[in-house]
Amino acid sequence: MTGGALARLIRSAGEPAPPEPVPGEHCDLCQEQVPDEHRHLYDTDGGEVLCACRACSLLFAGEEAAQGRYRLVPQRRVRLPPVDTTALGVPVGLAYFVPAADGTVTAHYPSPAGATRWEADPAAWAAVVADCPALRELRPDVEALLVNTAWGARRHWIVPVDDCHRVVAIVRREWRGMSGGDRVWPAVEQFFAGLETSEPTTT
C-alpha cells in the first residue's frame, strides 16, 4: 500500500469517498486540498519536493514510515554570521547549497529560467564548513545554505529547501529584461526580511 493510500484510509475511515479535487494546491500523495501554508516532503527517488497535507506530513515524520523514500522537509531557519563562499565559484550574489546523503553538495543560483545548478568542489565546501561549523548540521537533501550578497547584502541562512524554491519562484516572477529590472532585488530583500521576522523554528 502506498503512503498516499494509507493516509487516505487514516483520514477517511468510516466516511464517504471524498469529492473530486477542486482547483488549488493539493497534496501530491493523496490529492487532498492543502492550505497555502503546508508542509513538504522530499522524494528521494525523483529528487522532487512535494506538497503534503497534514495527514501525509505526520505519516512521514519518521523516515521508517516510507523506508527512506519520503523525507519530511524541516522548518527550522537559522541565521548565520557571514560565510565566505567565494571559493565555491558562485557567479552571482544569490545562491543556495544543498548537501546530499552521499556527501556531494549541489550549488544552485536562481535565474529567470529557473535554478541553474552545478556540483560544488568538495575541498572548497569542506573549507567553508570548517569556517562555519553550524553547516555540519545541515540535513541532507532537505536543508540548504542560502546566501545573498548581491548589492552589498550579507545574508546567510540555514533554511528548508522549500524556502529556496520560493526564492527561485520570486526571481522568475519579478525578473524583467536582461539585467532583472528594478523589481527583482527588492522582492528578494523582502523575502530575506521575512526570514528575520519569522518565529524561530527548530524542527
N, C-alpha and C. Protein backbone atom coordinates (compact mmCIF):
# COMPACT_ATOMS: atom_id res chain seq x y z
N MET A 1 0.85 -1.20 0.00
CA MET A 1 0.00 0.00 0.00
C MET A 1 0.87 1.23 0.00
N THR A 2 0.55 2.20 -0.84
CA THR A 2 1.34 3.42 -0.90
C THR A 2 1.06 4.30 0.29
N GLY A 3 2.00 5.23 0.56
CA GLY A 3 1.79 6.17 1.66
C GLY A 3 0.55 7.00 1.47
N GLY A 4 0.25 7.42 0.21
CA GLY A 4 -0.93 8.22 -0.04
C GLY A 4 -2.20 7.47 0.24
N ALA A 5 -2.23 6.18 -0.16
CA ALA A 5 -3.42 5.38 0.10
C ALA A 5 -3.63 5.18 1.59
N LEU A 6 -2.54 4.95 2.32
CA LEU A 6 -2.64 4.76 3.76
C LEU A 6 -3.13 6.04 4.43
N ALA A 7 -2.61 7.17 3.99
CA ALA A 7 -3.05 8.44 4.57
C ALA A 7 -4.53 8.66 4.33
N ARG A 8 -5.03 8.30 3.14
CA ARG A 8 -6.46 8.46 2.84
C ARG A 8 -7.29 7.58 3.77
N LEU A 9 -6.80 6.36 4.05
CA LEU A 9 -7.53 5.49 4.95
C LEU A 9 -7.56 6.06 6.37
N ILE A 10 -6.42 6.59 6.80
CA ILE A 10 -6.37 7.17 8.14
C ILE A 10 -7.37 8.32 8.26
N ARG A 11 -7.45 9.15 7.21
CA ARG A 11 -8.26 10.35 7.27
C ARG A 11 -9.74 10.06 7.07
N SER A 12 -10.09 9.07 6.26
CA SER A 12 -11.47 8.93 5.84
C SER A 12 -12.11 7.61 6.27
N ALA A 13 -11.51 6.91 7.22
CA ALA A 13 -12.09 5.64 7.67
C ALA A 13 -13.51 5.88 8.18
N GLY A 14 -14.45 5.13 7.65
CA GLY A 14 -15.82 5.27 8.08
C GLY A 14 -16.55 6.43 7.46
N GLU A 15 -15.92 7.16 6.53
CA GLU A 15 -16.55 8.31 5.90
C GLU A 15 -16.79 8.02 4.42
N PRO A 16 -17.71 8.75 3.80
CA PRO A 16 -17.91 8.58 2.35
C PRO A 16 -16.66 8.94 1.59
N ALA A 17 -16.59 8.48 0.35
CA ALA A 17 -15.45 8.82 -0.50
C ALA A 17 -15.38 10.34 -0.66
N PRO A 18 -14.17 10.91 -0.66
CA PRO A 18 -14.04 12.36 -0.79
C PRO A 18 -14.48 12.83 -2.16
N PRO A 19 -14.92 14.08 -2.27
CA PRO A 19 -15.34 14.60 -3.58
C PRO A 19 -14.14 14.77 -4.50
N GLU A 20 -14.43 15.02 -5.77
CA GLU A 20 -13.37 15.25 -6.73
C GLU A 20 -12.56 16.49 -6.33
N PRO A 21 -11.24 16.50 -6.59
CA PRO A 21 -10.42 17.65 -6.22
C PRO A 21 -10.93 18.94 -6.86
N VAL A 22 -10.81 20.05 -6.12
CA VAL A 22 -11.19 21.35 -6.64
C VAL A 22 -9.93 22.12 -6.95
N PRO A 23 -10.03 23.19 -7.76
CA PRO A 23 -8.82 23.96 -8.10
C PRO A 23 -8.10 24.45 -6.86
N GLY A 24 -6.77 24.53 -6.96
CA GLY A 24 -5.94 24.95 -5.83
C GLY A 24 -4.83 23.94 -5.62
N GLU A 25 -4.01 24.18 -4.62
CA GLU A 25 -2.91 23.25 -4.35
C GLU A 25 -3.42 22.01 -3.65
N HIS A 26 -2.83 20.88 -3.98
CA HIS A 26 -3.23 19.60 -3.42
C HIS A 26 -2.01 18.82 -2.95
N CYS A 27 -2.24 17.93 -2.02
CA CYS A 27 -1.20 17.01 -1.58
C CYS A 27 -0.79 16.15 -2.77
N ASP A 28 0.49 16.03 -3.01
CA ASP A 28 0.98 15.27 -4.16
C ASP A 28 0.89 13.76 -3.93
N LEU A 29 0.59 13.35 -2.69
CA LEU A 29 0.47 11.92 -2.43
C LEU A 29 -0.97 11.44 -2.46
N CYS A 30 -1.89 12.21 -1.84
CA CYS A 30 -3.27 11.72 -1.72
C CYS A 30 -4.28 12.64 -2.38
N GLN A 31 -3.84 13.79 -2.92
CA GLN A 31 -4.70 14.74 -3.63
C GLN A 31 -5.65 15.52 -2.73
N GLU A 32 -5.49 15.42 -1.43
CA GLU A 32 -6.27 16.26 -0.52
C GLU A 32 -5.87 17.72 -0.74
N GLN A 33 -6.86 18.62 -0.76
CA GLN A 33 -6.55 20.04 -0.91
C GLN A 33 -5.79 20.52 0.32
N VAL A 34 -4.80 21.38 0.10
CA VAL A 34 -3.98 21.87 1.20
C VAL A 34 -4.07 23.39 1.26
N PRO A 35 -3.91 23.97 2.47
CA PRO A 35 -3.92 25.43 2.58
C PRO A 35 -2.64 26.02 2.01
N ASP A 36 -2.60 27.34 1.92
CA ASP A 36 -1.41 28.00 1.39
C ASP A 36 -0.17 27.63 2.19
N GLU A 37 -0.31 27.60 3.52
CA GLU A 37 0.80 27.20 4.39
C GLU A 37 0.70 25.72 4.69
N HIS A 38 1.59 24.93 4.10
CA HIS A 38 1.56 23.49 4.30
C HIS A 38 2.97 22.93 4.27
N ARG A 39 3.12 21.71 4.73
CA ARG A 39 4.44 21.08 4.78
C ARG A 39 4.77 20.46 3.42
N HIS A 40 6.07 20.09 3.29
CA HIS A 40 6.54 19.47 2.06
C HIS A 40 7.33 18.20 2.39
N LEU A 41 7.35 17.30 1.43
CA LEU A 41 8.14 16.07 1.51
C LEU A 41 9.17 16.08 0.39
N TYR A 42 10.33 15.52 0.69
CA TYR A 42 11.33 15.35 -0.36
C TYR A 42 11.29 13.91 -0.83
N ASP A 43 11.09 13.72 -2.13
CA ASP A 43 11.04 12.39 -2.74
C ASP A 43 12.47 12.04 -3.17
N THR A 44 13.09 11.12 -2.45
CA THR A 44 14.49 10.78 -2.73
C THR A 44 14.64 10.04 -4.06
N ASP A 45 13.57 9.38 -4.52
CA ASP A 45 13.64 8.68 -5.81
C ASP A 45 13.61 9.68 -6.97
N GLY A 46 12.69 10.62 -6.92
CA GLY A 46 12.54 11.57 -8.02
C GLY A 46 13.32 12.85 -7.85
N GLY A 47 13.88 13.07 -6.64
CA GLY A 47 14.60 14.31 -6.38
C GLY A 47 13.70 15.52 -6.42
N GLU A 48 12.44 15.36 -5.99
CA GLU A 48 11.47 16.44 -6.05
C GLU A 48 10.97 16.80 -4.66
N VAL A 49 10.53 18.05 -4.53
CA VAL A 49 9.85 18.50 -3.32
C VAL A 49 8.35 18.46 -3.59
N LEU A 50 7.62 17.75 -2.74
CA LEU A 50 6.19 17.52 -2.95
C LEU A 50 5.37 18.23 -1.88
N CYS A 51 4.21 18.73 -2.27
CA CYS A 51 3.27 19.28 -1.29
C CYS A 51 2.68 18.14 -0.47
N ALA A 52 2.44 18.40 0.82
CA ALA A 52 1.91 17.35 1.70
C ALA A 52 0.81 17.92 2.58
N CYS A 53 -0.31 17.20 2.67
CA CYS A 53 -1.36 17.57 3.61
C CYS A 53 -0.89 17.21 5.03
N ARG A 54 -1.68 17.59 6.02
CA ARG A 54 -1.30 17.32 7.40
C ARG A 54 -1.15 15.83 7.67
N ALA A 55 -2.11 15.03 7.16
CA ALA A 55 -2.07 13.60 7.42
C ALA A 55 -0.80 12.96 6.84
N CYS A 56 -0.45 13.32 5.61
CA CYS A 56 0.74 12.74 4.98
C CYS A 56 2.01 13.23 5.64
N SER A 57 2.04 14.51 6.04
CA SER A 57 3.24 15.02 6.70
C SER A 57 3.46 14.33 8.03
N LEU A 58 2.38 14.05 8.76
CA LEU A 58 2.51 13.32 10.02
C LEU A 58 2.91 11.87 9.77
N LEU A 59 2.34 11.30 8.72
CA LEU A 59 2.64 9.90 8.40
C LEU A 59 4.11 9.69 8.12
N PHE A 60 4.73 10.67 7.44
CA PHE A 60 6.13 10.52 7.05
C PHE A 60 7.08 11.33 7.91
N ALA A 61 6.63 11.71 9.10
CA ALA A 61 7.51 12.43 10.01
C ALA A 61 8.68 11.55 10.43
N GLY A 62 8.46 10.23 10.48
CA GLY A 62 9.53 9.28 10.76
C GLY A 62 9.97 8.61 9.48
N GLU A 63 11.28 8.60 9.21
CA GLU A 63 11.78 8.06 7.94
C GLU A 63 11.43 6.59 7.76
N GLU A 64 11.25 5.87 8.87
CA GLU A 64 10.96 4.44 8.75
C GLU A 64 9.61 4.21 8.09
N ALA A 65 8.69 5.20 8.15
CA ALA A 65 7.36 5.04 7.57
C ALA A 65 7.42 4.86 6.06
N ALA A 66 8.38 5.49 5.42
CA ALA A 66 8.49 5.41 3.96
C ALA A 66 9.74 4.67 3.53
N GLN A 67 10.38 3.97 4.46
CA GLN A 67 11.61 3.25 4.18
C GLN A 67 12.63 4.17 3.49
N GLY A 68 12.64 5.45 3.89
CA GLY A 68 13.63 6.40 3.41
C GLY A 68 13.28 7.11 2.13
N ARG A 69 12.16 6.75 1.47
CA ARG A 69 11.87 7.41 0.19
C ARG A 69 11.40 8.84 0.39
N TYR A 70 10.43 9.05 1.28
CA TYR A 70 9.91 10.40 1.52
C TYR A 70 10.47 10.94 2.83
N ARG A 71 11.02 12.14 2.76
CA ARG A 71 11.58 12.77 3.95
C ARG A 71 10.86 14.09 4.18
N LEU A 72 10.36 14.27 5.38
CA LEU A 72 9.66 15.50 5.72
C LEU A 72 10.65 16.65 5.74
N VAL A 73 10.35 17.71 5.00
CA VAL A 73 11.22 18.89 4.97
C VAL A 73 11.07 19.62 6.30
N PRO A 74 12.16 19.87 7.01
CA PRO A 74 12.07 20.54 8.32
C PRO A 74 11.67 21.99 8.17
N GLN A 75 11.47 22.65 9.29
CA GLN A 75 11.00 24.04 9.27
C GLN A 75 11.99 25.01 9.90
N ARG A 76 13.11 24.53 10.39
CA ARG A 76 14.00 25.45 11.11
C ARG A 76 14.68 26.42 10.16
N ARG A 77 14.90 27.62 10.66
CA ARG A 77 15.64 28.66 9.95
C ARG A 77 16.65 29.24 10.93
N VAL A 78 17.91 29.26 10.53
CA VAL A 78 18.98 29.70 11.41
C VAL A 78 19.80 30.75 10.69
N ARG A 79 19.85 31.97 11.25
CA ARG A 79 20.70 33.00 10.66
C ARG A 79 22.15 32.73 11.06
N LEU A 80 23.05 32.82 10.08
CA LEU A 80 24.46 32.56 10.30
C LEU A 80 25.26 33.86 10.22
N PRO A 81 26.42 33.89 10.83
CA PRO A 81 27.33 35.01 10.56
C PRO A 81 27.78 34.94 9.10
N PRO A 82 28.35 36.01 8.55
CA PRO A 82 28.79 35.97 7.15
C PRO A 82 29.68 34.77 6.85
N VAL A 83 29.39 34.11 5.75
CA VAL A 83 30.11 32.91 5.33
C VAL A 83 30.81 33.23 4.01
N ASP A 84 32.10 33.00 3.92
CA ASP A 84 32.85 33.27 2.69
C ASP A 84 32.65 32.10 1.73
N THR A 85 31.85 32.33 0.68
CA THR A 85 31.57 31.28 -0.30
C THR A 85 32.25 31.54 -1.64
N THR A 86 33.19 32.47 -1.69
CA THR A 86 33.83 32.81 -2.97
C THR A 86 34.54 31.62 -3.60
N ALA A 87 35.12 30.75 -2.77
CA ALA A 87 35.84 29.59 -3.31
C ALA A 87 34.92 28.57 -3.95
N LEU A 88 33.60 28.71 -3.74
CA LEU A 88 32.65 27.76 -4.30
C LEU A 88 32.27 28.09 -5.73
N GLY A 89 32.81 29.20 -6.25
CA GLY A 89 32.60 29.53 -7.65
C GLY A 89 31.23 30.06 -7.98
N VAL A 90 30.59 30.75 -7.02
CA VAL A 90 29.26 31.31 -7.27
C VAL A 90 29.40 32.53 -8.18
N PRO A 91 28.77 32.54 -9.37
CA PRO A 91 28.94 33.65 -10.30
C PRO A 91 28.06 34.86 -9.98
N VAL A 92 27.11 34.68 -9.07
CA VAL A 92 26.20 35.77 -8.70
C VAL A 92 26.09 35.83 -7.18
N GLY A 93 25.40 36.87 -6.69
CA GLY A 93 25.31 37.06 -5.25
C GLY A 93 24.23 36.26 -4.56
N LEU A 94 23.34 35.64 -5.31
CA LEU A 94 22.23 34.88 -4.73
C LEU A 94 22.37 33.42 -5.11
N ALA A 95 22.51 32.55 -4.11
CA ALA A 95 22.72 31.13 -4.40
C ALA A 95 22.35 30.31 -3.18
N TYR A 96 22.17 29.00 -3.41
CA TYR A 96 21.97 28.10 -2.27
C TYR A 96 22.68 26.78 -2.54
N PHE A 97 23.02 26.11 -1.44
CA PHE A 97 23.86 24.92 -1.50
C PHE A 97 23.18 23.81 -0.71
N VAL A 98 22.97 22.67 -1.38
CA VAL A 98 22.24 21.56 -0.78
C VAL A 98 23.14 20.33 -0.69
N PRO A 99 23.47 19.88 0.53
CA PRO A 99 24.26 18.65 0.65
C PRO A 99 23.39 17.43 0.40
N ALA A 100 23.97 16.40 -0.17
CA ALA A 100 23.26 15.14 -0.41
C ALA A 100 23.74 14.09 0.57
N ALA A 101 23.00 13.00 0.67
CA ALA A 101 23.35 11.94 1.61
C ALA A 101 24.69 11.30 1.27
N ASP A 102 25.10 11.37 0.00
CA ASP A 102 26.38 10.75 -0.39
C ASP A 102 27.58 11.68 -0.18
N GLY A 103 27.32 12.86 0.39
CA GLY A 103 28.42 13.77 0.69
C GLY A 103 28.66 14.84 -0.35
N THR A 104 28.06 14.71 -1.53
CA THR A 104 28.21 15.75 -2.54
C THR A 104 27.35 16.96 -2.16
N VAL A 105 27.71 18.12 -2.70
CA VAL A 105 26.96 19.35 -2.45
C VAL A 105 26.63 19.98 -3.80
N THR A 106 25.34 20.23 -4.02
CA THR A 106 24.90 20.85 -5.26
C THR A 106 24.65 22.33 -5.02
N ALA A 107 25.26 23.17 -5.84
CA ALA A 107 25.06 24.61 -5.76
C ALA A 107 24.03 25.02 -6.81
N HIS A 108 23.21 25.99 -6.46
CA HIS A 108 22.16 26.48 -7.36
C HIS A 108 22.14 28.00 -7.30
N TYR A 109 21.89 28.64 -8.43
CA TYR A 109 21.57 30.06 -8.34
C TYR A 109 20.32 30.33 -9.18
N PRO A 110 19.37 31.07 -8.57
CA PRO A 110 18.12 31.36 -9.27
C PRO A 110 18.36 32.25 -10.48
N SER A 111 17.57 32.02 -11.52
CA SER A 111 17.65 32.81 -12.74
C SER A 111 16.25 32.95 -13.31
N PRO A 112 16.05 33.81 -14.30
CA PRO A 112 14.71 33.92 -14.89
C PRO A 112 14.24 32.64 -15.55
N ALA A 113 15.14 31.71 -15.83
CA ALA A 113 14.76 30.43 -16.44
C ALA A 113 14.64 29.32 -15.41
N GLY A 114 14.79 29.63 -14.13
CA GLY A 114 14.76 28.62 -13.09
C GLY A 114 16.08 28.60 -12.35
N ALA A 115 16.39 27.47 -11.71
CA ALA A 115 17.63 27.36 -10.94
C ALA A 115 18.71 26.67 -11.75
N THR A 116 19.82 27.37 -11.97
CA THR A 116 21.00 26.77 -12.60
C THR A 116 21.79 26.04 -11.52
N ARG A 117 22.31 24.87 -11.82
CA ARG A 117 22.95 24.06 -10.78
C ARG A 117 24.28 23.49 -11.26
N TRP A 118 25.15 23.26 -10.30
CA TRP A 118 26.42 22.59 -10.57
C TRP A 118 26.90 21.98 -9.26
N GLU A 119 27.82 21.05 -9.35
CA GLU A 119 28.34 20.39 -8.15
C GLU A 119 29.49 21.20 -7.58
N ALA A 120 29.37 21.53 -6.31
CA ALA A 120 30.40 22.32 -5.65
C ALA A 120 31.66 21.48 -5.45
N ASP A 121 32.81 22.14 -5.50
CA ASP A 121 34.08 21.45 -5.27
C ASP A 121 34.13 20.95 -3.84
N PRO A 122 34.38 19.65 -3.62
CA PRO A 122 34.36 19.09 -2.26
C PRO A 122 35.34 19.77 -1.31
N ALA A 123 36.55 20.05 -1.78
CA ALA A 123 37.55 20.68 -0.91
C ALA A 123 37.13 22.09 -0.53
N ALA A 124 36.55 22.82 -1.49
CA ALA A 124 36.10 24.18 -1.20
C ALA A 124 34.95 24.16 -0.19
N TRP A 125 34.03 23.21 -0.35
CA TRP A 125 32.93 23.10 0.60
C TRP A 125 33.44 22.74 1.99
N ALA A 126 34.39 21.82 2.07
CA ALA A 126 34.95 21.44 3.36
C ALA A 126 35.57 22.64 4.06
N ALA A 127 36.21 23.52 3.29
CA ALA A 127 36.82 24.71 3.88
C ALA A 127 35.75 25.66 4.41
N VAL A 128 34.64 25.79 3.68
CA VAL A 128 33.54 26.63 4.12
C VAL A 128 32.95 26.10 5.43
N VAL A 129 32.76 24.79 5.50
CA VAL A 129 32.21 24.17 6.70
C VAL A 129 33.17 24.32 7.89
N ALA A 130 34.46 24.22 7.63
CA ALA A 130 35.44 24.40 8.70
C ALA A 130 35.36 25.80 9.30
N ASP A 131 35.04 26.79 8.46
CA ASP A 131 34.91 28.16 8.94
C ASP A 131 33.55 28.42 9.59
N CYS A 132 32.57 27.59 9.29
CA CYS A 132 31.21 27.76 9.85
C CYS A 132 30.71 26.39 10.30
N PRO A 133 31.08 25.95 11.49
CA PRO A 133 30.74 24.60 11.95
C PRO A 133 29.24 24.30 11.96
N ALA A 134 28.39 25.32 12.05
CA ALA A 134 26.94 25.07 12.06
C ALA A 134 26.49 24.35 10.79
N LEU A 135 27.26 24.49 9.71
CA LEU A 135 26.88 23.84 8.45
C LEU A 135 27.03 22.32 8.52
N ARG A 136 27.75 21.83 9.51
CA ARG A 136 27.85 20.37 9.67
C ARG A 136 26.50 19.77 10.02
N GLU A 137 25.58 20.60 10.54
CA GLU A 137 24.28 20.10 10.97
C GLU A 137 23.23 20.14 9.86
N LEU A 138 23.61 20.59 8.67
CA LEU A 138 22.65 20.59 7.56
C LEU A 138 22.13 19.18 7.31
N ARG A 139 20.83 19.04 7.20
CA ARG A 139 20.23 17.73 6.96
C ARG A 139 20.23 17.47 5.45
N PRO A 140 20.83 16.37 5.03
CA PRO A 140 20.99 16.12 3.59
C PRO A 140 19.66 16.18 2.84
N ASP A 141 19.69 16.81 1.69
CA ASP A 141 18.59 16.89 0.74
C ASP A 141 17.45 17.83 1.14
N VAL A 142 17.27 18.11 2.42
CA VAL A 142 16.10 18.86 2.85
C VAL A 142 16.43 20.21 3.49
N GLU A 143 17.71 20.51 3.69
CA GLU A 143 18.12 21.82 4.19
C GLU A 143 19.23 22.36 3.30
N ALA A 144 19.39 23.69 3.33
CA ALA A 144 20.36 24.33 2.44
C ALA A 144 21.00 25.52 3.13
N LEU A 145 22.18 25.86 2.64
CA LEU A 145 22.79 27.15 2.96
C LEU A 145 22.32 28.12 1.89
N LEU A 146 21.58 29.16 2.29
CA LEU A 146 21.05 30.17 1.38
C LEU A 146 21.83 31.46 1.59
N VAL A 147 22.37 32.01 0.49
CA VAL A 147 23.28 33.15 0.56
C VAL A 147 22.77 34.27 -0.34
N ASN A 148 22.79 35.50 0.17
CA ASN A 148 22.53 36.67 -0.67
C ASN A 148 23.56 37.74 -0.35
N THR A 149 24.47 37.97 -1.31
CA THR A 149 25.47 39.03 -1.16
C THR A 149 25.35 40.06 -2.27
N ALA A 150 24.23 40.02 -3.00
CA ALA A 150 24.02 40.97 -4.09
C ALA A 150 23.79 42.38 -3.54
N TRP A 151 24.34 43.37 -4.23
CA TRP A 151 24.13 44.77 -3.88
C TRP A 151 24.52 45.06 -2.44
N GLY A 152 25.59 44.42 -1.98
CA GLY A 152 26.11 44.70 -0.64
C GLY A 152 25.42 43.97 0.49
N ALA A 153 24.45 43.10 0.17
CA ALA A 153 23.77 42.35 1.23
C ALA A 153 24.73 41.35 1.87
N ARG A 154 24.46 40.97 3.10
CA ARG A 154 25.24 39.97 3.82
C ARG A 154 24.28 39.04 4.55
N ARG A 155 23.59 38.24 3.74
CA ARG A 155 22.56 37.34 4.27
C ARG A 155 23.02 35.90 4.12
N HIS A 156 23.08 35.18 5.21
CA HIS A 156 23.49 33.78 5.19
C HIS A 156 22.59 33.01 6.16
N TRP A 157 21.91 32.03 5.65
CA TRP A 157 20.91 31.31 6.44
C TRP A 157 20.98 29.81 6.18
N ILE A 158 20.67 29.03 7.21
CA ILE A 158 20.27 27.64 7.03
C ILE A 158 18.76 27.65 6.92
N VAL A 159 18.23 27.11 5.82
CA VAL A 159 16.79 27.13 5.59
C VAL A 159 16.33 25.77 5.05
N PRO A 160 15.04 25.47 5.17
CA PRO A 160 14.50 24.29 4.48
C PRO A 160 14.54 24.51 2.96
N VAL A 161 14.65 23.42 2.22
CA VAL A 161 14.80 23.57 0.77
C VAL A 161 13.58 24.20 0.11
N ASP A 162 12.41 24.10 0.74
CA ASP A 162 11.25 24.74 0.11
C ASP A 162 11.38 26.26 0.13
N ASP A 163 12.12 26.81 1.11
CA ASP A 163 12.40 28.24 1.08
C ASP A 163 13.21 28.60 -0.17
N CYS A 164 14.15 27.76 -0.52
CA CYS A 164 14.96 28.01 -1.72
C CYS A 164 14.10 28.00 -2.97
N HIS A 165 13.13 27.11 -3.03
CA HIS A 165 12.23 27.07 -4.17
C HIS A 165 11.39 28.34 -4.24
N ARG A 166 11.05 28.90 -3.08
CA ARG A 166 10.30 30.16 -3.07
C ARG A 166 11.16 31.30 -3.65
N VAL A 167 12.45 31.31 -3.31
CA VAL A 167 13.33 32.33 -3.86
C VAL A 167 13.41 32.20 -5.38
N VAL A 168 13.54 30.98 -5.88
CA VAL A 168 13.58 30.75 -7.32
C VAL A 168 12.30 31.29 -7.97
N ALA A 169 11.15 31.03 -7.34
CA ALA A 169 9.88 31.50 -7.89
C ALA A 169 9.81 33.02 -7.91
N ILE A 170 10.35 33.66 -6.87
CA ILE A 170 10.36 35.12 -6.82
C ILE A 170 11.18 35.69 -7.97
N VAL A 171 12.36 35.12 -8.20
CA VAL A 171 13.22 35.62 -9.27
C VAL A 171 12.55 35.43 -10.63
N ARG A 172 11.95 34.30 -10.85
CA ARG A 172 11.28 34.05 -12.13
C ARG A 172 10.11 35.01 -12.33
N ARG A 173 9.39 35.29 -11.24
CA ARG A 173 8.20 36.14 -11.35
C ARG A 173 8.55 37.61 -11.56
N GLU A 174 9.61 38.08 -10.89
CA GLU A 174 9.89 39.51 -10.86
C GLU A 174 10.95 39.96 -11.87
N TRP A 175 11.66 39.03 -12.47
CA TRP A 175 12.76 39.41 -13.38
C TRP A 175 12.20 40.10 -14.62
N ARG A 176 12.87 41.21 -15.01
CA ARG A 176 12.48 41.94 -16.20
C ARG A 176 13.72 42.25 -17.04
N GLY A 177 13.62 42.07 -18.35
CA GLY A 177 14.71 42.43 -19.25
C GLY A 177 15.95 41.57 -19.07
N MET A 178 17.09 42.12 -19.50
CA MET A 178 18.34 41.39 -19.45
C MET A 178 18.99 41.41 -18.07
N SER A 179 18.81 42.50 -17.33
CA SER A 179 19.50 42.66 -16.05
C SER A 179 18.63 42.43 -14.83
N GLY A 180 17.35 42.14 -15.04
CA GLY A 180 16.47 41.88 -13.92
C GLY A 180 15.48 42.98 -13.63
N GLY A 181 15.81 44.21 -14.02
CA GLY A 181 14.89 45.32 -13.77
C GLY A 181 14.97 45.81 -12.34
N ASP A 182 13.97 46.61 -11.96
CA ASP A 182 14.00 47.24 -10.64
C ASP A 182 13.07 46.58 -9.63
N ARG A 183 12.56 45.39 -9.98
CA ARG A 183 11.61 44.72 -9.06
C ARG A 183 12.20 43.50 -8.37
N VAL A 184 13.13 42.82 -9.04
CA VAL A 184 13.54 41.53 -8.52
C VAL A 184 14.31 41.63 -7.20
N TRP A 185 15.27 42.56 -7.11
CA TRP A 185 16.09 42.59 -5.90
C TRP A 185 15.34 43.12 -4.69
N PRO A 186 14.45 44.13 -4.84
CA PRO A 186 13.61 44.47 -3.68
C PRO A 186 12.74 43.31 -3.23
N ALA A 187 12.25 42.50 -4.17
CA ALA A 187 11.44 41.34 -3.80
C ALA A 187 12.27 40.29 -3.06
N VAL A 188 13.51 40.08 -3.51
CA VAL A 188 14.41 39.15 -2.81
C VAL A 188 14.71 39.66 -1.41
N GLU A 189 14.98 40.96 -1.30
CA GLU A 189 15.27 41.53 0.01
C GLU A 189 14.06 41.41 0.94
N GLN A 190 12.87 41.57 0.39
CA GLN A 190 11.67 41.41 1.20
C GLN A 190 11.55 39.97 1.71
N PHE A 191 11.91 39.01 0.87
CA PHE A 191 11.90 37.61 1.31
C PHE A 191 12.83 37.41 2.50
N PHE A 192 14.06 37.94 2.41
CA PHE A 192 15.01 37.77 3.50
C PHE A 192 14.56 38.53 4.75
N ALA A 193 13.93 39.68 4.56
CA ALA A 193 13.40 40.41 5.71
C ALA A 193 12.34 39.57 6.41
N GLY A 194 11.57 38.80 5.63
CA GLY A 194 10.57 37.91 6.21
C GLY A 194 11.21 36.82 7.05
N LEU A 195 12.38 36.33 6.65
CA LEU A 195 13.09 35.34 7.46
C LEU A 195 13.45 35.95 8.81
N GLU A 196 13.84 37.22 8.81
CA GLU A 196 14.24 37.90 10.05
C GLU A 196 13.08 37.97 11.03
N THR A 197 11.88 38.17 10.51
CA THR A 197 10.74 38.39 11.39
C THR A 197 9.95 37.13 11.69
N SER A 198 10.29 36.02 11.00
CA SER A 198 9.55 34.77 11.26
C SER A 198 9.94 34.22 12.62
N GLU A 199 9.03 33.48 13.22
CA GLU A 199 9.31 32.89 14.52
C GLU A 199 10.40 31.84 14.37
N PRO A 200 11.39 31.82 15.28
CA PRO A 200 12.44 30.80 15.21
C PRO A 200 11.85 29.41 15.25
N THR A 201 12.33 28.53 14.39
CA THR A 201 11.85 27.16 14.37
C THR A 201 13.03 26.21 14.41
N THR A 202 12.81 25.01 14.95
CA THR A 202 13.90 24.07 15.13
C THR A 202 13.60 22.70 14.58
N THR A 203 12.42 22.47 13.99
CA THR A 203 12.07 21.13 13.53
C THR A 203 11.93 21.08 12.03
